[in-house]
Amino acid sequence: MNKKALHLYNTASRSKELFTLPQDVPEVRMYACGPTVYHYAHIGNLRTYLFEDLLRRSLEYFGFKVRHVVNITDVGHLASDEDDGEDKMEIGAERTGKSVWEIAEFYAKKFKEDLELLNILPPTVWCKATDHIKEQIELIKELEKKGYTYRTSDGIYFDSLKFPKYADFARLDIAGLKSGARIDLGEKKFATDFALWKFSPTDKKRAMEWESPWGVGFPGWHIECSAMAMAHLGETLDIHCGGTDHIRVHHTNEIAQSECATGKQYSRFWMHGEFLRASSSEKMSKSSGEFLTLDTLIEKGFDPLAYRLFSLTSHYRNYLNFSWDAVENAQISLNSLRKKTEAFIGLEGEIKSVDARMWSSKFSACIGDDLNSSAAIGVLNLMFSDTLLPVGEKAALIREFDSVLGLNLLKAPEKAKHSAEEIEKAEALIKERNAARSAKDFAESDRLRDVLLDMGVIVKDSKDGTIWEWK
């Protein structure tokens, strides 16, 4: 079926652009920055991978074949973006009492399990930094040969001022950095210079270190992504994506080192997902007090796909504020969608009528407008109320739309069985809660709501009274 054009927001141009492939390129070469596997992924991290999955599914929906590469950072990512501190893998090993190799395997496996629970498509290629040390060394050697590097006592650094376009991507004020007072740079020539290769400390042996032309050490974080992306996708990518926190340093550095090494454009499109906020002002991070994993949501009784739906209700370039009420609402909405779609399971026909094609066109227009998933969900909900559509065409449209949304809407549900005693207990607690609300004892009302939630019961107060359902 013909679909409208796909426009995507390109961070490099700060504008929406029509996405097409060069004539001689058969598939979309898409690279996504993967996890640093020193800890569990939190739900803020996972929002980025949900955005990238929406992008992947949308590209395929619009008829593109996608070669999707995601890296596993298992060495070289220091505690800050400024080449300071310990390697995060070494920190993780010290925290857990396991070897760096053991924690890398453990957290990478857990990360992939989280993606599966969220119905995120696996990439075409998983690649590990420790499997690409040779490629990283060769890339640094090329930069050295072309005069873009210099040596300090602790490593080999990229000379950022030799790349005239360094400031363009992140709109950096290089003149201001030159004139302003800066922190102590140590042996770095300029604030935006960054490590390509770090030397191992002389007073202890690192768990992960390799021989190189410059001495024993380990790669800088930024060189890893460039080396792996180009090893699996070639010197020019079609789309490179990640979180917005990568724009200023990590992705800027990737562009600099890659384009200086090859003399070619590194990526045609850059796409970034915005933060999930734990409150109205803070992004969710492992260093904050709010470190929620997908397991936390599951332990609270939520379906992982409720979190997927919650993420889809906001545009990927907008901040998304997390709250338990919001996830409850998403669970109720997901349950409602499943009730609507359950009757269509196994009844898919072909999309033939003008009416059905109109709904397909509306949906593709939303997705084609820079992945407007919330508007696309609105089209899905409106489509249900179209009494002119035959059942088979409605079922086919649900399948088509869900190929992008990824909510498994036509998957046969697993029926939860609740005993008469459980139902009686839930109804009694709801009666108690209603009495507390009538008495304006809101503390007791909230307590009972939490008790019900722990039992797997979602409660919503509406103008028509209390509505409740099992998760």
Protein backbone atom coordinates (compact mmCIF):
# COMPACT_ATOMS: atom_id res chain seq x y z
CA MET A 1 0.00 0.00 0.00
CA ASN A 2 1.28 3.45 -0.87
CA LYS A 3 2.25 5.46 2.18
CA LYS A 4 3.00 9.12 2.54
CA ALA A 5 6.59 10.32 2.81
CA LEU A 6 8.65 9.76 5.93
CA HIS A 7 10.08 12.93 7.45
CA LEU A 8 12.53 12.68 10.36
CA TYR A 9 14.04 15.37 12.58
CA ASN A 10 17.77 15.60 11.91
CA THR A 11 19.70 16.95 14.89
CA ALA A 12 22.49 18.06 12.56
CA SER A 13 20.22 20.49 10.67
CA ARG A 14 17.77 21.11 13.55
CA SER A 15 14.91 20.49 11.12
CA LYS A 16 12.63 17.79 9.73
CA GLU A 17 13.91 16.30 6.50
CA LEU A 18 12.51 13.84 3.98
CA PHE A 19 14.22 10.50 4.56
CA THR A 20 15.42 8.74 1.43
CA LEU A 21 18.32 6.44 0.64
CA PRO A 22 21.13 7.21 -1.78
CA GLN A 23 20.54 5.42 -5.09
CA ASP A 24 23.31 2.86 -4.59
CA VAL A 25 22.42 1.97 -0.98
CA PRO A 26 20.08 -1.05 -0.62
CA GLU A 27 19.31 -0.77 3.09
CA VAL A 28 19.24 1.78 5.91
CA ARG A 29 22.54 1.72 7.78
CA MET A 30 21.38 2.49 11.32
CA TYR A 31 23.62 2.62 14.40
CA ALA A 32 22.43 3.06 17.97
CA CYS A 33 24.63 3.65 21.01
CA GLY A 34 24.10 0.66 23.26
CA PRO A 35 24.44 0.16 27.01
CA THR A 36 27.53 0.35 29.17
CA VAL A 37 27.03 -2.99 30.92
CA TYR A 38 28.21 -2.18 34.42
CA HIS A 39 24.72 -1.95 35.99
CA TYR A 40 21.04 -2.59 35.28
CA ALA A 41 19.38 -0.40 32.65
CA HIS A 42 16.85 1.95 34.25
CA ILE A 43 13.54 2.84 32.64
CA GLY A 44 14.98 6.17 31.47
CA ASN A 45 17.63 4.28 29.49
CA LEU A 46 14.94 1.99 28.10
CA ARG A 47 12.89 4.92 26.84
CA THR A 48 15.71 5.64 24.37
CA TYR A 49 15.63 2.06 23.05
CA LEU A 50 11.84 2.24 22.73
CA PHE A 51 12.26 5.35 20.57
CA GLU A 52 14.85 3.57 18.44
CA ASP A 53 12.55 0.57 18.08
CA LEU A 54 9.74 2.89 16.94
CA LEU A 55 12.18 4.33 14.39
CA ARG A 56 13.25 0.88 13.18
CA ARG A 57 9.65 -0.33 12.87
CA SER A 58 8.61 2.88 11.10
CA LEU A 59 11.41 2.58 8.56
CA GLU A 60 10.32 -0.98 7.80
CA TYR A 61 6.66 0.13 7.68
CA PHE A 62 7.63 2.64 4.99
CA GLY A 63 9.26 -0.12 2.97
CA PHE A 64 12.92 0.29 3.90
CA LYS A 65 15.15 -2.65 4.71
CA VAL A 66 17.18 -1.87 7.85
CA ARG A 67 20.59 -3.06 8.96
CA HIS A 68 20.50 -2.11 12.64
CA VAL A 69 23.69 -2.23 14.72
CA VAL A 70 23.81 -1.79 18.50
CA ASN A 71 27.02 -1.88 20.50
CA ILE A 72 27.76 -3.24 23.94
CA THR A 73 30.21 -0.95 25.77
CA ASP A 74 32.15 -3.31 28.01
CA VAL A 75 35.38 -1.31 28.38
CA GLY A 76 36.72 2.22 28.23
CA HIS A 77 33.72 4.28 29.34
CA LEU A 78 35.08 6.43 32.14
CA ALA A 79 33.05 7.88 35.00
CA SER A 80 32.68 11.21 33.18
CA ASP A 81 32.63 12.46 29.60
CA GLU A 82 35.80 14.44 30.31
CA ASP A 83 38.18 11.43 30.33
CA ASP A 84 38.24 11.49 34.14
CA GLY A 85 37.75 8.86 36.81
CA GLU A 86 37.72 5.09 36.71
CA ASP A 87 36.39 2.84 33.98
CA LYS A 88 32.71 2.15 34.73
CA MET A 89 33.30 -1.58 34.21
CA GLU A 90 36.02 -1.57 36.88
CA ILE A 91 33.65 0.28 39.22
CA GLY A 92 30.93 -2.31 38.57
CA ALA A 93 33.32 -5.17 39.26
CA GLU A 94 34.40 -3.60 42.57
CA ARG A 95 30.73 -3.06 43.54
CA THR A 96 29.66 -6.64 42.82
CA GLY A 97 32.78 -8.59 43.71
CA LYS A 98 32.71 -10.22 40.26
CA SER A 99 35.18 -9.93 37.40
CA VAL A 100 34.61 -7.32 34.71
CA TRP A 101 33.98 -10.12 32.22
CA GLU A 102 31.33 -11.66 34.46
CA ILE A 103 29.45 -8.43 35.05
CA ALA A 104 29.61 -7.56 31.34
CA GLU A 105 27.99 -10.87 30.46
CA PHE A 106 25.43 -10.64 33.28
CA TYR A 107 24.23 -7.08 32.58
CA ALA A 108 24.28 -7.52 28.79
CA LYS A 109 22.06 -10.59 29.16
CA LYS A 110 19.69 -8.73 31.50
CA PHE A 111 19.54 -5.78 29.11
CA LYS A 112 18.54 -8.05 26.22
CA GLU A 113 15.87 -9.65 28.41
CA ASP A 114 14.43 -6.20 29.16
CA LEU A 115 14.28 -5.42 25.45
CA GLU A 116 12.43 -8.66 24.79
CA LEU A 117 9.87 -7.91 27.53
CA LEU A 118 9.26 -4.50 25.92
CA ASN A 119 8.81 -6.16 22.50
CA ILE A 120 11.82 -4.29 21.11
CA LEU A 121 13.11 -5.91 17.93
CA PRO A 122 16.65 -7.31 18.29
CA PRO A 123 19.25 -5.51 16.14
CA THR A 124 20.71 -7.09 13.06
CA VAL A 125 24.11 -7.00 14.78
CA TRP A 126 25.16 -6.86 18.42
CA CYS A 127 28.81 -5.83 18.69
CA LYS A 128 31.06 -5.63 21.76
CA ALA A 129 33.81 -3.08 22.24
CA THR A 130 36.21 -5.76 23.50
CA ASP A 131 35.76 -7.70 20.25
CA HIS A 132 36.83 -4.67 18.18
CA ILE A 133 40.10 -3.55 19.79
CA LYS A 134 42.00 -4.12 16.53
CA GLU A 135 39.60 -1.86 14.59
CA GLN A 136 39.90 0.86 17.23
CA ILE A 137 43.70 0.77 17.13
CA GLU A 138 43.68 0.97 13.32
CA LEU A 139 41.37 4.00 13.43
CA ILE A 140 43.64 5.77 15.92
CA LYS A 141 46.66 4.95 13.74
CA GLU A 142 44.90 6.57 10.76
CA LEU A 143 44.20 9.71 12.80
CA GLU A 144 47.83 9.76 13.96
CA LYS A 145 49.09 9.42 10.37
CA LYS A 146 46.96 12.41 9.33
CA GLY A 147 48.25 14.57 12.19
CA TYR A 148 45.14 14.78 14.40
CA THR A 149 46.62 13.27 17.58
CA TYR A 150 49.11 14.13 20.30
CA ARG A 151 50.57 12.21 23.22
CA THR A 152 50.40 13.03 26.93
CA SER A 153 51.63 11.08 29.93
CA ASP A 154 48.26 9.34 30.28
CA GLY A 155 47.24 8.68 26.68
CA ILE A 156 46.78 9.58 23.02
CA TYR A 157 44.43 12.55 22.48
CA PHE A 158 42.48 13.98 19.55
CA ASP A 159 43.37 17.58 18.72
CA SER A 160 39.86 19.03 18.31
CA LEU A 161 40.98 22.46 17.08
CA LYS A 162 42.38 20.80 13.95
CA PHE A 163 38.82 19.89 12.90
CA PRO A 164 37.25 23.24 11.87
CA LYS A 165 33.69 21.87 12.03
CA TYR A 166 34.05 20.54 15.58
CA ALA A 167 31.58 23.04 17.08
CA ASP A 168 28.92 22.77 14.39
CA PHE A 169 26.95 19.72 15.51
CA ALA A 170 26.35 20.77 19.13
CA ARG A 171 26.46 24.52 18.35
CA LEU A 172 29.39 24.94 20.75
CA ASP A 173 30.88 28.34 21.53
CA ILE A 174 34.54 27.57 20.85
CA ALA A 175 35.51 31.25 20.98
CA GLY A 176 33.92 31.48 24.42
CA LEU A 177 35.78 28.39 25.57
CA LYS A 178 39.05 29.89 24.36
CA SER A 179 38.52 33.22 26.11
CA GLY A 180 36.74 32.07 29.25
CA ALA A 181 38.33 30.77 32.41
CA ARG A 182 38.49 26.99 32.31
CA ILE A 183 39.19 24.20 34.75
CA ASP A 184 42.68 22.75 34.89
CA LEU A 185 43.18 20.85 31.62
CA GLY A 186 46.22 18.93 32.77
CA GLU A 187 48.22 18.07 29.64
CA LYS A 188 45.29 18.51 27.25
CA LYS A 189 45.80 21.34 24.76
CA PHE A 190 42.17 22.41 24.75
CA ALA A 191 38.98 21.73 26.69
CA THR A 192 37.28 19.79 23.88
CA ASP A 193 40.23 17.47 23.16
CA PHE A 194 39.49 13.87 24.12
CA ALA A 195 41.25 10.57 24.72
CA LEU A 196 41.55 8.04 21.93
CA TRP A 197 43.72 5.62 23.92
CA LYS A 198 44.42 5.66 27.66
CA PHE A 199 47.55 4.19 29.19
CA SER A 200 47.15 1.69 32.00
CA PRO A 201 48.17 3.04 35.42
CA THR A 202 51.71 2.12 36.43
CA ASP A 203 50.78 1.30 40.03
CA LYS A 204 48.24 -1.45 39.28
CA LYS A 205 47.15 -3.85 36.58
CA ARG A 206 43.78 -3.22 34.96
CA ALA A 207 41.35 -6.08 34.41
CA MET A 208 40.96 -5.05 30.75
CA GLU A 209 44.05 -3.81 28.92
CA TRP A 210 45.72 -4.45 25.57
CA GLU A 211 49.02 -3.96 23.77
CA SER A 212 49.07 -1.10 21.28
CA PRO A 213 51.63 0.87 19.24
CA TRP A 214 51.57 3.47 22.04
CA GLY A 215 51.84 1.13 25.01
CA VAL A 216 49.59 -1.05 27.17
CA GLY A 217 46.21 0.50 27.77
CA PHE A 218 42.57 0.63 26.73
CA PRO A 219 40.47 2.60 24.21
CA GLY A 220 38.62 5.83 24.90
CA TRP A 221 34.84 5.54 24.90
CA HIS A 222 34.24 7.65 21.77
CA ILE A 223 36.59 5.73 19.46
CA GLU A 224 34.71 2.50 20.20
CA CYS A 225 31.47 3.61 18.56
CA SER A 226 33.15 5.00 15.45
CA ALA A 227 35.20 1.85 14.95
CA MET A 228 32.27 -0.52 15.46
CA ALA A 229 29.80 1.51 13.41
CA MET A 230 32.13 1.73 10.43
CA ALA A 231 33.19 -1.91 10.75
CA HIS A 232 29.60 -3.08 10.35
CA LEU A 233 27.99 -0.29 8.29
CA GLY A 234 30.74 1.38 6.28
CA GLU A 235 32.27 4.84 6.47
CA THR A 236 28.97 6.72 6.06
CA LEU A 237 25.87 5.81 8.06
CA ASP A 238 22.30 6.74 7.17
CA ILE A 239 21.05 7.18 10.74
CA HIS A 240 22.94 7.40 14.02
CA CYS A 241 20.80 7.66 17.15
CA GLY A 242 20.99 7.82 20.92
CA GLY A 243 19.98 9.98 23.88
CA THR A 244 20.14 13.79 23.87
CA ASP A 245 22.90 13.66 26.48
CA HIS A 246 25.25 12.35 23.78
CA ILE A 247 24.95 15.39 21.50
CA ARG A 248 27.44 17.74 23.17
CA VAL A 249 30.33 15.35 23.78
CA HIS A 250 30.04 11.73 22.62
CA HIS A 251 28.41 12.25 19.24
CA THR A 252 30.37 15.43 18.56
CA ASN A 253 33.57 13.48 19.17
CA GLU A 254 32.43 10.59 17.01
CA ILE A 255 31.84 12.97 14.11
CA ALA A 256 35.22 14.65 14.55
CA GLN A 257 37.34 11.50 14.68
CA SER A 258 35.39 9.65 11.98
CA GLU A 259 35.34 12.45 9.42
CA CYS A 260 39.00 13.30 10.02
CA ALA A 261 39.94 9.65 9.49
CA THR A 262 37.86 9.05 6.34
CA GLY A 263 37.32 12.49 4.82
CA LYS A 264 33.64 11.55 4.40
CA GLN A 265 30.37 12.51 6.10
CA TYR A 266 29.96 10.20 9.09
CA SER A 267 26.15 10.07 9.27
CA ARG A 268 23.46 11.58 7.07
CA PHE A 269 20.84 11.75 9.87
CA TRP A 270 21.26 12.11 13.63
CA MET A 271 18.27 11.35 15.86
CA HIS A 272 18.05 11.75 19.63
CA GLY A 273 15.52 10.73 22.25
CA GLU A 274 14.78 13.05 25.14
CA PHE A 275 15.04 12.19 28.85
CA LEU A 276 12.55 10.50 31.11
CA ARG A 277 12.28 12.68 34.19
CA ALA A 278 11.91 11.23 37.66
CA SER A 279 10.35 14.53 38.70
CA SER A 280 9.40 17.71 36.85
CA SER A 281 13.03 18.78 36.60
CA GLU A 282 15.45 15.84 36.83
CA LYS A 283 16.36 13.25 34.25
CA MET A 284 16.38 9.70 35.51
CA SER A 285 19.92 8.47 36.13
CA LYS A 286 21.78 5.81 38.05
CA SER A 287 23.36 8.49 40.25
CA SER A 288 20.00 9.93 41.31
CA GLY A 289 17.79 8.60 44.08
CA GLU A 290 15.21 7.44 41.55
CA PHE A 291 16.70 4.36 39.94
CA LEU A 292 13.74 2.38 38.61
CA THR A 293 14.26 -0.73 36.51
CA LEU A 294 11.76 -2.62 34.40
CA ASP A 295 11.76 -5.27 37.13
CA THR A 296 10.51 -2.60 39.56
CA LEU A 297 7.46 -2.02 37.36
CA ILE A 298 6.86 -5.75 36.96
CA GLU A 299 7.10 -6.28 40.72
CA LYS A 300 4.40 -3.62 41.10
CA GLY A 301 2.20 -5.73 38.83
CA PHE A 302 2.51 -3.70 35.62
CA ASP A 303 2.77 -5.24 32.17
CA PRO A 304 6.05 -4.11 30.51
CA LEU A 305 4.00 -3.15 27.45
CA ALA A 306 2.13 -0.64 29.62
CA TYR A 307 5.46 1.18 29.95
CA ARG A 308 5.89 0.91 26.18
CA LEU A 309 2.46 2.49 25.68
CA PHE A 310 3.26 5.17 28.26
CA SER A 311 6.39 6.07 26.27
CA LEU A 312 4.47 6.12 22.97
CA THR A 313 1.98 8.67 24.30
CA SER A 314 4.71 11.34 24.28
CA HIS A 315 6.81 12.40 21.29
CA TYR A 316 10.33 10.99 21.49
CA ARG A 317 11.85 14.51 21.35
CA ASN A 318 9.82 15.72 24.36
CA TYR A 319 10.61 15.25 28.04
CA LEU A 320 8.43 12.58 29.63
CA ASN A 321 7.61 12.88 33.33
CA PHE A 322 7.35 9.57 35.16
CA SER A 323 4.72 8.94 37.83
CA TRP A 324 3.00 5.83 39.11
CA ASP A 325 -0.38 7.37 38.24
CA ALA A 326 0.77 7.80 34.63
CA VAL A 327 1.84 4.15 34.40
CA GLU A 328 -1.49 3.07 35.95
CA ASN A 329 -3.31 5.08 33.30
CA ALA A 330 -1.19 3.46 30.61
CA GLN A 331 -2.03 0.02 32.00
CA ILE A 332 -5.75 0.85 31.92
CA SER A 333 -5.42 2.13 28.35
CA LEU A 334 -3.54 -1.01 27.33
CA ASN A 335 -6.22 -3.21 28.92
CA SER A 336 -8.87 -1.21 27.08
CA LEU A 337 -7.06 -1.63 23.75
CA ARG A 338 -6.76 -5.36 24.32
CA LYS A 339 -10.47 -5.66 25.06
CA LYS A 340 -11.23 -3.84 21.81
CA THR A 341 -8.83 -5.90 19.71
CA GLU A 342 -9.47 -9.33 21.24
CA ALA A 343 -12.62 -9.78 19.13
CA PHE A 344 -10.55 -9.32 15.93
CA ILE A 345 -7.93 -12.01 16.60
CA GLY A 346 -7.76 -14.43 13.66
CA LEU A 347 -10.16 -12.42 11.48
CA GLU A 348 -7.71 -10.44 9.35
CA GLY A 349 -8.71 -9.81 5.76
CA GLU A 350 -7.29 -7.47 3.13
CA ILE A 351 -7.31 -3.69 3.11
CA LYS A 352 -9.34 -2.92 -0.01
CA SER A 353 -12.05 -0.37 0.66
CA VAL A 354 -11.64 3.38 0.29
CA ASP A 355 -12.57 3.76 3.95
CA ALA A 356 -9.85 1.35 5.13
CA ARG A 357 -7.26 3.00 2.88
CA MET A 358 -8.21 6.34 4.37
CA TRP A 359 -7.45 5.08 7.90
CA SER A 360 -4.15 3.60 6.72
CA SER A 361 -3.25 6.92 5.11
CA LYS A 362 -4.07 8.83 8.32
CA PHE A 363 -1.90 6.52 10.39
CA SER A 364 1.05 6.68 7.98
CA ALA A 365 0.77 10.49 7.89
CA CYS A 366 1.22 10.58 11.69
CA ILE A 367 4.18 8.23 11.67
CA GLY A 368 5.61 10.01 8.65
CA ASP A 369 5.58 13.26 10.59
CA ASP A 370 8.72 12.49 12.61
CA LEU A 371 7.25 9.43 14.34
CA ASN A 372 4.23 11.12 15.93
CA SER A 373 3.22 8.05 17.90
CA SER A 374 0.66 9.74 20.16
CA ALA A 375 -1.29 10.99 17.11
CA ALA A 376 -0.99 7.53 15.55
CA ILE A 377 -2.53 5.95 18.68
CA GLY A 378 -5.36 8.48 18.35
CA VAL A 379 -6.00 7.26 14.78
CA LEU A 380 -6.11 3.66 16.03
CA ASN A 381 -8.69 4.53 18.69
CA LEU A 382 -10.85 6.49 16.24
CA MET A 383 -10.74 3.66 13.72
CA PHE A 384 -12.55 1.35 16.16
CA SER A 385 -15.64 3.58 16.04
CA ASP A 386 -15.94 3.41 12.23
CA THR A 387 -19.12 1.36 11.70
CA LEU A 388 -18.61 1.22 7.92
CA LEU A 389 -15.45 -0.87 8.14
CA PRO A 390 -15.84 -4.66 7.73
CA VAL A 391 -14.44 -6.75 10.58
CA GLY A 392 -11.70 -8.28 8.40
CA GLU A 393 -10.42 -4.87 7.31
CA LYS A 394 -10.46 -3.56 10.89
CA ALA A 395 -8.40 -6.56 11.94
CA ALA A 396 -5.96 -5.95 9.08
CA LEU A 397 -5.60 -2.30 10.08
CA ILE A 398 -4.94 -3.27 13.70
CA ARG A 399 -2.17 -5.60 12.48
CA GLU A 400 -0.72 -2.88 10.25
CA PHE A 401 -0.75 -0.21 12.95
CA ASP A 402 0.62 -2.57 15.59
CA SER A 403 3.58 -3.46 13.37
CA VAL A 404 4.76 0.07 14.26
CA LEU A 405 3.38 0.43 17.80
CA GLY A 406 4.60 -2.99 18.93
CA LEU A 407 1.89 -3.58 21.55
CA ASN A 408 1.05 -7.16 20.52
CA LEU A 409 -2.61 -6.19 20.14
CA LEU A 410 -3.60 -9.29 18.17
CA LYS A 411 -1.81 -11.72 20.42
CA ALA A 412 -4.19 -14.12 22.15
CA PRO A 413 -4.42 -12.97 25.79
CA GLU A 414 -3.42 -15.11 28.71
CA LYS A 415 -6.49 -15.22 30.89
CA ALA A 416 -5.79 -14.37 34.49
CA LYS A 417 -7.77 -16.46 36.95
CA HIS A 418 -8.92 -14.86 40.17
CA SER A 419 -10.62 -16.81 42.90
CA ALA A 420 -13.93 -15.82 44.41
CA GLU A 421 -12.05 -15.02 47.62
CA GLU A 422 -9.67 -12.63 45.79
CA ILE A 423 -12.56 -10.84 44.09
CA GLU A 424 -14.47 -10.61 47.37
CA LYS A 425 -11.40 -9.20 49.16
CA ALA A 426 -10.84 -6.60 46.40
CA GLU A 427 -14.47 -5.49 46.52
CA ALA A 428 -14.34 -5.19 50.31
CA LEU A 429 -11.19 -3.05 50.17
CA ILE A 430 -12.73 -0.81 47.50
CA LYS A 431 -15.80 -0.39 49.72
CA GLU A 432 -13.53 0.60 52.62
CA ARG A 433 -11.66 3.02 50.37
CA ASN A 434 -14.88 4.64 49.16
CA ALA A 435 -15.93 5.11 52.79
CA ALA A 436 -12.56 6.73 53.58
CA ARG A 437 -12.94 9.08 50.61
CA SER A 438 -16.45 10.03 51.70
CA ALA A 439 -15.05 10.83 55.16
CA LYS A 440 -12.28 12.87 53.48
CA ASP A 441 -9.67 10.58 55.07
CA PHE A 442 -7.41 10.77 52.04
CA ALA A 443 -4.40 9.28 53.80
CA GLU A 444 -6.36 6.08 54.45
CA SER A 445 -7.79 6.20 50.95
CA ASP A 446 -4.26 6.34 49.48
CA ARG A 447 -3.09 3.53 51.75
CA LEU A 448 -5.92 1.27 50.62
CA ARG A 449 -5.21 2.15 47.00
CA ASP A 450 -1.60 0.96 47.49
CA VAL A 451 -2.85 -2.26 49.12
CA LEU A 452 -5.11 -2.87 46.12
CA LEU A 453 -2.27 -2.11 43.72
CA ASP A 454 -0.06 -4.68 45.47
CA MET A 455 -2.90 -7.19 44.96
CA GLY A 456 -2.89 -6.43 41.24
CA VAL A 457 -5.96 -4.16 41.24
CA ILE A 458 -5.95 -0.77 39.48
CA VAL A 459 -8.41 1.76 40.90
CA LYS A 460 -9.60 4.90 39.07
CA ASP A 461 -11.95 7.50 40.48
CA SER A 462 -14.32 9.03 37.95
CA LYS A 463 -17.44 11.20 38.01
CA ASP A 464 -19.45 7.98 37.73
CA GLY A 465 -17.82 6.39 40.75
CA THR A 466 -14.88 4.06 41.31
CA ILE A 467 -13.68 1.94 38.40
CA TRP A 468 -11.40 -0.99 39.07
CA GLU A 469 -9.81 -3.84 37.14
CA TRP A 470 -7.13 -6.47 37.45
CA LYS A 471 -3.78 -5.69 35.86
